[in-house]
PDB file of all heavy atoms in Angstrom:
ATOM      1  N   THR A   1       8.818  11.319  -5.873  1.00  0.00           N
ATOM      2  CA  THR A   1       9.893  12.099  -6.459  1.00  0.00           C
ATOM      3  C   THR A   1      10.806  12.502  -5.315  1.00  0.00           C
ATOM      4  O   THR A   1      10.451  12.343  -4.147  1.00  0.00           O
ATOM      5  CB  THR A   1       9.356  13.324  -7.226  1.00  0.00           C
ATOM      6  OG1 THR A   1      10.443  13.955  -7.932  1.00  0.00           O
ATOM      7  CG2 THR A   1       8.709  14.337  -6.290  1.00  0.00           C
ATOM      8  N   CYS A   2      12.006  12.991  -5.630  1.00  0.00           N
ATOM      9  CA  CYS A   2      12.932  13.263  -4.525  1.00  0.00           C
ATOM     10  C   CYS A   2      14.014  14.256  -4.930  1.00  0.00           C
ATOM     11  O   CYS A   2      14.237  14.534  -6.110  1.00  0.00           O
ATOM     12  CB  CYS A   2      13.568  11.972  -4.030  1.00  0.00           C
ATOM     13  SG  CYS A   2      14.626  11.137  -5.239  1.00  0.00           S
ATOM     14  N   SER A   3      14.700  14.759  -3.910  1.00  0.00           N
ATOM     15  CA  SER A   3      15.843  15.637  -4.143  1.00  0.00           C
ATOM     16  C   SER A   3      17.085  14.800  -4.425  1.00  0.00           C
ATOM     17  O   SER A   3      17.078  13.576  -4.258  1.00  0.00           O
ATOM     18  CB  SER A   3      16.084  16.524  -2.907  1.00  0.00           C
ATOM     19  OG  SER A   3      16.724  15.773  -1.888  1.00  0.00           O
ATOM     20  N   HIS A   4      18.165  15.469  -4.801  1.00  0.00           N
ATOM     21  CA  HIS A   4      19.418  14.752  -5.055  1.00  0.00           C
ATOM     22  C   HIS A   4      20.075  14.310  -3.747  1.00  0.00           C
ATOM     23  O   HIS A   4      21.094  13.618  -3.776  1.00  0.00           O
ATOM     24  CB  HIS A   4      20.374  15.620  -5.874  1.00  0.00           C
ATOM     25  CG  HIS A   4      20.930  16.797  -5.121  1.00  0.00           C
ATOM     26  ND1 HIS A   4      20.150  17.854  -4.720  1.00  0.00           N
ATOM     27  CD2 HIS A   4      22.182  17.075  -4.674  1.00  0.00           C
ATOM     28  CE1 HIS A   4      20.890  18.738  -4.072  1.00  0.00           C
ATOM     29  NE2 HIS A   4      22.129  18.290  -4.026  1.00  0.00           N
ATOM     30  N   ASP A   5      19.489  14.709  -2.611  1.00  0.00           N
ATOM     31  CA  ASP A   5      19.988  14.267  -1.299  1.00  0.00           C
ATOM     32  C   ASP A   5      19.453  12.889  -0.919  1.00  0.00           C
ATOM     33  O   ASP A   5      19.777  12.372   0.152  1.00  0.00           O
ATOM     34  CB  ASP A   5      19.591  15.261  -0.207  1.00  0.00           C
ATOM     35  CG  ASP A   5      20.272  16.609  -0.388  1.00  0.00           C
ATOM     36  OD1 ASP A   5      21.426  16.631  -0.855  1.00  0.00           O
ATOM     37  OD2 ASP A   5      19.657  17.642  -0.066  1.00  0.00           O
ATOM     38  N   MET A   6      18.636  12.305  -1.773  1.00  0.00           N
ATOM     39  CA  MET A   6      18.123  10.951  -1.579  1.00  0.00           C
ATOM     40  C   MET A   6      18.643  10.052  -2.700  1.00  0.00           C
ATOM     41  O   MET A   6      18.702  10.466  -3.859  1.00  0.00           O
ATOM     42  CB  MET A   6      16.591  10.935  -1.596  1.00  0.00           C
ATOM     43  CG  MET A   6      15.954  11.546  -0.367  1.00  0.00           C
ATOM     44  SD  MET A   6      16.315  10.573   1.100  1.00  0.00           S
ATOM     45  CE  MET A   6      14.739   9.886   1.465  1.00  0.00           C
ATOM     46  N   THR A   7      18.965   8.824  -2.329  1.00  0.00           N
ATOM     47  CA  THR A   7      19.416   7.843  -3.316  1.00  0.00           C
ATOM     48  C   THR A   7      18.471   6.648  -3.309  1.00  0.00           C
ATOM     49  O   THR A   7      18.468   5.863  -2.356  1.00  0.00           O
ATOM     50  CB  THR A   7      20.844   7.358  -2.996  1.00  0.00           C
ATOM     51  OG1 THR A   7      21.733   8.481  -2.942  1.00  0.00           O
ATOM     52  CG2 THR A   7      21.337   6.383  -4.067  1.00  0.00           C
ATOM     53  N   PRO A   8      17.613   6.494  -4.320  1.00  0.00           N
ATOM     54  CA  PRO A   8      16.735   5.316  -4.404  1.00  0.00           C
ATOM     55  C   PRO A   8      17.542   4.081  -4.828  1.00  0.00           C
ATOM     56  O   PRO A   8      18.364   4.162  -5.745  1.00  0.00           O
ATOM     57  CB  PRO A   8      15.716   5.697  -5.486  1.00  0.00           C
ATOM     58  CG  PRO A   8      15.854   7.186  -5.654  1.00  0.00           C
ATOM     59  CD  PRO A   8      17.299   7.475  -5.356  1.00  0.00           C
ATOM     60  N   ILE A   9      17.314   2.956  -4.158  1.00  0.00           N
ATOM     61  CA  ILE A   9      18.000   1.716  -4.527  1.00  0.00           C
ATOM     62  C   ILE A   9      16.965   0.597  -4.667  1.00  0.00           C
ATOM     63  O   ILE A   9      16.051   0.481  -3.869  1.00  0.00           O
ATOM     64  CB  ILE A   9      19.119   1.344  -3.531  1.00  0.00           C
ATOM     65  CG1 ILE A   9      18.563   1.071  -2.128  1.00  0.00           C
ATOM     66  CG2 ILE A   9      20.166   2.463  -3.459  1.00  0.00           C
ATOM     67  CD1 ILE A   9      19.619   0.583  -1.139  1.00  0.00           C
ATOM     68  N   TYR A  10      17.128  -0.215  -5.710  1.00  0.00           N
ATOM     69  CA  TYR A  10      16.154  -1.239  -6.082  1.00  0.00           C
ATOM     70  C   TYR A  10      16.808  -2.623  -6.030  1.00  0.00           C
ATOM     71  O   TYR A  10      17.859  -2.837  -6.640  1.00  0.00           O
ATOM     72  CB  TYR A  10      15.611  -0.964  -7.484  1.00  0.00           C
ATOM     73  CG  TYR A  10      14.795   0.305  -7.554  1.00  0.00           C
ATOM     74  CD1 TYR A  10      15.419   1.543  -7.685  1.00  0.00           C
ATOM     75  CD2 TYR A  10      13.412   0.261  -7.463  1.00  0.00           C
ATOM     76  CE1 TYR A  10      14.667   2.722  -7.723  1.00  0.00           C
ATOM     77  CE2 TYR A  10      12.652   1.429  -7.511  1.00  0.00           C
ATOM     78  CZ  TYR A  10      13.284   2.644  -7.641  1.00  0.00           C
ATOM     79  OH  TYR A  10      12.541   3.802  -7.675  1.00  0.00           O
ATOM     80  N   LEU A  11      16.175  -3.536  -5.313  1.00  0.00           N
ATOM     81  CA  LEU A  11      16.736  -4.872  -5.134  1.00  0.00           C
ATOM     82  C   LEU A  11      16.802  -5.622  -6.464  1.00  0.00           C
ATOM     83  O   LEU A  11      15.839  -5.641  -7.228  1.00  0.00           O
ATOM     84  CB  LEU A  11      15.889  -5.656  -4.128  1.00  0.00           C
ATOM     85  CG  LEU A  11      16.462  -6.987  -3.625  1.00  0.00           C
ATOM     86  CD1 LEU A  11      17.765  -6.778  -2.865  1.00  0.00           C
ATOM     87  CD2 LEU A  11      15.438  -7.696  -2.730  1.00  0.00           C
ATOM     88  N   LYS A  12      17.936  -6.258  -6.729  1.00  0.00           N
ATOM     89  CA  LYS A  12      18.114  -7.074  -7.925  1.00  0.00           C
ATOM     90  C   LYS A  12      17.820  -8.537  -7.604  1.00  0.00           C
ATOM     91  O   LYS A  12      17.977  -8.982  -6.480  1.00  0.00           O
ATOM     92  CB  LYS A  12      19.560  -6.994  -8.422  1.00  0.00           C
ATOM     93  CG  LYS A  12      20.078  -5.614  -8.774  1.00  0.00           C
ATOM     94  CD  LYS A  12      21.561  -5.738  -9.144  1.00  0.00           C
ATOM     95  CE  LYS A  12      22.222  -4.418  -9.418  1.00  0.00           C
ATOM     96  NZ  LYS A  12      23.680  -4.588  -9.695  1.00  0.00           N
ATOM     97  N   ARG A  13      17.433  -9.279  -8.600  1.00  0.00           N
ATOM     98  CA  ARG A  13      17.367 -10.752  -8.553  1.00  0.00           C
ATOM     99  C   ARG A  13      16.469 -11.325  -7.456  1.00  0.00           C
ATOM    100  O   ARG A  13      16.538 -12.510  -7.142  1.00  0.00           O
ATOM    101  CB  ARG A  13      18.779 -11.353  -8.426  1.00  0.00           C
ATOM    102  CG  ARG A  13      19.675 -11.049  -9.618  1.00  0.00           C
ATOM    103  CD  ARG A  13      21.023 -11.715  -9.485  1.00  0.00           C
ATOM    104  NE  ARG A  13      21.813 -11.144  -8.411  1.00  0.00           N
ATOM    105  CZ  ARG A  13      22.555 -10.034  -8.554  1.00  0.00           C
ATOM    106  NH1 ARG A  13      22.609  -9.403  -9.711  1.00  0.00           N
ATOM    107  NH2 ARG A  13      23.253  -9.583  -7.544  1.00  0.00           N
ATOM    108  N   TYR A  14      15.636 -10.496  -6.861  1.00  0.00           N
ATOM    109  CA  TYR A  14      14.655 -11.005  -5.906  1.00  0.00           C
ATOM    110  C   TYR A  14      13.564  -9.945  -5.762  1.00  0.00           C
ATOM    111  O   TYR A  14      13.853  -8.746  -5.754  1.00  0.00           O
ATOM    112  CB  TYR A  14      15.296 -11.270  -4.534  1.00  0.00           C
ATOM    113  CG  TYR A  14      14.500 -12.242  -3.682  1.00  0.00           C
ATOM    114  CD1 TYR A  14      14.744 -13.609  -3.755  1.00  0.00           C
ATOM    115  CD2 TYR A  14      13.497 -11.798  -2.825  1.00  0.00           C
ATOM    116  CE1 TYR A  14      14.024 -14.515  -2.984  1.00  0.00           C
ATOM    117  CE2 TYR A  14      12.768 -12.682  -2.062  1.00  0.00           C
ATOM    118  CZ  TYR A  14      13.039 -14.045  -2.134  1.00  0.00           C
ATOM    119  OH  TYR A  14      12.305 -14.934  -1.382  1.00  0.00           O
ATOM    120  N   LYS A  15      12.324 -10.399  -5.651  1.00  0.00           N
ATOM    121  CA  LYS A  15      11.210  -9.457  -5.566  1.00  0.00           C
ATOM    122  C   LYS A  15      11.085  -8.917  -4.146  1.00  0.00           C
ATOM    123  O   LYS A  15      10.822  -9.662  -3.200  1.00  0.00           O
ATOM    124  CB  LYS A  15       9.902 -10.131  -5.989  1.00  0.00           C
ATOM    125  CG  LYS A  15       8.737  -9.142  -6.067  1.00  0.00           C
ATOM    126  CD  LYS A  15       7.484  -9.799  -6.606  1.00  0.00           C
ATOM    127  CE  LYS A  15       6.347  -8.784  -6.694  1.00  0.00           C
ATOM    128  NZ  LYS A  15       5.101  -9.408  -7.223  1.00  0.00           N
ATOM    129  N   LEU A  16      11.263  -7.623  -4.018  1.00  0.00           N
ATOM    130  CA  LEU A  16      11.164  -6.970  -2.712  1.00  0.00           C
ATOM    131  C   LEU A  16       9.708  -6.860  -2.282  1.00  0.00           C
ATOM    132  O   LEU A  16       8.811  -6.722  -3.107  1.00  0.00           O
ATOM    133  CB  LEU A  16      11.779  -5.569  -2.799  1.00  0.00           C
ATOM    134  CG  LEU A  16      11.949  -4.793  -1.493  1.00  0.00           C
ATOM    135  CD1 LEU A  16      12.959  -5.479  -0.583  1.00  0.00           C
ATOM    136  CD2 LEU A  16      12.385  -3.350  -1.793  1.00  0.00           C
ATOM    137  N   ASN A  17       9.454  -6.954  -0.980  1.00  0.00           N
ATOM    138  CA  ASN A  17       8.147  -6.607  -0.417  1.00  0.00           C
ATOM    139  C   ASN A  17       8.388  -5.807   0.858  1.00  0.00           C
ATOM    140  O   ASN A  17       9.546  -5.567   1.243  1.00  0.00           O
ATOM    141  CB  ASN A  17       7.279  -7.847  -0.165  1.00  0.00           C
ATOM    142  CG  ASN A  17       7.927  -8.843   0.776  1.00  0.00           C
ATOM    143  OD1 ASN A  17       8.615  -8.469   1.730  1.00  0.00           O
ATOM    144  ND2 ASN A  17       7.709 -10.127   0.530  1.00  0.00           N
ATOM    145  N   LYS A  18       7.323  -5.396   1.505  1.00  0.00           N
ATOM    146  CA  LYS A  18       7.472  -4.506   2.663  1.00  0.00           C
ATOM    147  C   LYS A  18       8.243  -5.175   3.795  1.00  0.00           C
ATOM    148  O   LYS A  18       9.070  -4.533   4.457  1.00  0.00           O
ATOM    149  CB  LYS A  18       6.101  -4.059   3.161  1.00  0.00           C
ATOM    150  CG  LYS A  18       6.174  -2.973   4.229  1.00  0.00           C
ATOM    151  CD  LYS A  18       4.818  -2.367   4.509  1.00  0.00           C
ATOM    152  CE  LYS A  18       4.951  -1.196   5.460  1.00  0.00           C
ATOM    153  NZ  LYS A  18       3.639  -0.533   5.706  1.00  0.00           N
ATOM    154  N   GLN A  19       7.983  -6.463   4.037  1.00  0.00           N
ATOM    155  CA  GLN A  19       8.647  -7.150   5.146  1.00  0.00           C
ATOM    156  C   GLN A  19      10.159  -7.257   4.896  1.00  0.00           C
ATOM    157  O   GLN A  19      10.969  -6.944   5.772  1.00  0.00           O
ATOM    158  CB  GLN A  19       8.042  -8.545   5.350  1.00  0.00           C
ATOM    159  CG  GLN A  19       6.675  -8.548   5.999  1.00  0.00           C
ATOM    160  CD  GLN A  19       5.576  -8.065   5.075  1.00  0.00           C
ATOM    161  OE1 GLN A  19       5.619  -8.321   3.862  1.00  0.00           O
ATOM    162  NE2 GLN A  19       4.590  -7.374   5.608  1.00  0.00           N
ATOM    163  N   ILE A  20      10.529  -7.697   3.704  1.00  0.00           N
ATOM    164  CA  ILE A  20      11.957  -7.780   3.378  1.00  0.00           C
ATOM    165  C   ILE A  20      12.581  -6.388   3.417  1.00  0.00           C
ATOM    166  O   ILE A  20      13.693  -6.197   3.926  1.00  0.00           O
ATOM    167  CB  ILE A  20      12.169  -8.430   2.001  1.00  0.00           C
ATOM    168  CG1 ILE A  20      11.636  -9.864   1.994  1.00  0.00           C
ATOM    169  CG2 ILE A  20      13.643  -8.415   1.604  1.00  0.00           C
ATOM    170  CD1 ILE A  20      11.601 -10.517   0.619  1.00  0.00           C
ATOM    171  N   GLY A  21      11.842  -5.420   2.895  1.00  0.00           N
ATOM    172  CA  GLY A  21      12.334  -4.048   2.897  1.00  0.00           C
ATOM    173  C   GLY A  21      12.613  -3.532   4.294  1.00  0.00           C
ATOM    174  O   GLY A  21      13.631  -2.882   4.543  1.00  0.00           O
ATOM    175  N   MET A  22      11.717  -3.830   5.244  1.00  0.00           N
ATOM    176  CA  MET A  22      11.903  -3.355   6.613  1.00  0.00           C
ATOM    177  C   MET A  22      13.119  -4.009   7.270  1.00  0.00           C
ATOM    178  O   MET A  22      13.833  -3.368   8.046  1.00  0.00           O
ATOM    179  CB  MET A  22      10.637  -3.618   7.423  1.00  0.00           C
ATOM    180  CG  MET A  22       9.463  -2.737   7.009  1.00  0.00           C
ATOM    181  SD  MET A  22       7.910  -3.183   7.821  1.00  0.00           S
ATOM    182  CE  MET A  22       8.301  -2.761   9.531  1.00  0.00           C
ATOM    183  N   PHE A  23      13.353  -5.282   6.972  1.00  0.00           N
ATOM    184  CA  PHE A  23      14.541  -5.953   7.504  1.00  0.00           C
ATOM    185  C   PHE A  23      15.803  -5.310   6.917  1.00  0.00           C
ATOM    186  O   PHE A  23      16.762  -5.020   7.639  1.00  0.00           O
ATOM    187  CB  PHE A  23      14.491  -7.447   7.162  1.00  0.00           C
ATOM    188  CG  PHE A  23      15.492  -8.281   7.930  1.00  0.00           C
ATOM    189  CD1 PHE A  23      15.096  -9.036   9.014  1.00  0.00           C
ATOM    190  CD2 PHE A  23      16.831  -8.303   7.562  1.00  0.00           C
ATOM    191  CE1 PHE A  23      16.009  -9.805   9.722  1.00  0.00           C
ATOM    192  CE2 PHE A  23      17.756  -9.072   8.256  1.00  0.00           C
ATOM    193  CZ  PHE A  23      17.349  -9.821   9.348  1.00  0.00           C
ATOM    194  N   LEU A  24      15.794  -5.098   5.602  1.00  0.00           N
ATOM    195  CA  LEU A  24      16.951  -4.496   4.947  1.00  0.00           C
ATOM    196  C   LEU A  24      17.215  -3.080   5.444  1.00  0.00           C
ATOM    197  O   LEU A  24      18.374  -2.656   5.551  1.00  0.00           O
ATOM    198  CB  LEU A  24      16.738  -4.488   3.430  1.00  0.00           C
ATOM    199  CG  LEU A  24      16.754  -5.860   2.745  1.00  0.00           C
ATOM    200  CD1 LEU A  24      16.328  -5.733   1.286  1.00  0.00           C
ATOM    201  CD2 LEU A  24      18.136  -6.494   2.837  1.00  0.00           C
ATOM    202  N   VAL A  25      16.144  -2.355   5.746  1.00  0.00           N
ATOM    203  CA  VAL A  25      16.299  -0.995   6.285  1.00  0.00           C
ATOM    204  C   VAL A  25      17.112  -1.022   7.577  1.00  0.00           C
ATOM    205  O   VAL A  25      18.025  -0.210   7.777  1.00  0.00           O
ATOM    206  CB  VAL A  25      14.925  -0.346   6.525  1.00  0.00           C
ATOM    207  CG1 VAL A  25      15.038   0.854   7.475  1.00  0.00           C
ATOM    208  CG2 VAL A  25      14.315   0.115   5.212  1.00  0.00           C
TER     209      VAL A  25
END
């Protein structure tokens, strides 16, 4: 859960995993 000071974003059209996530970060 989170405050309104955080914006969760979810990858479209491709399955995210930790490795891809770390690169995108």
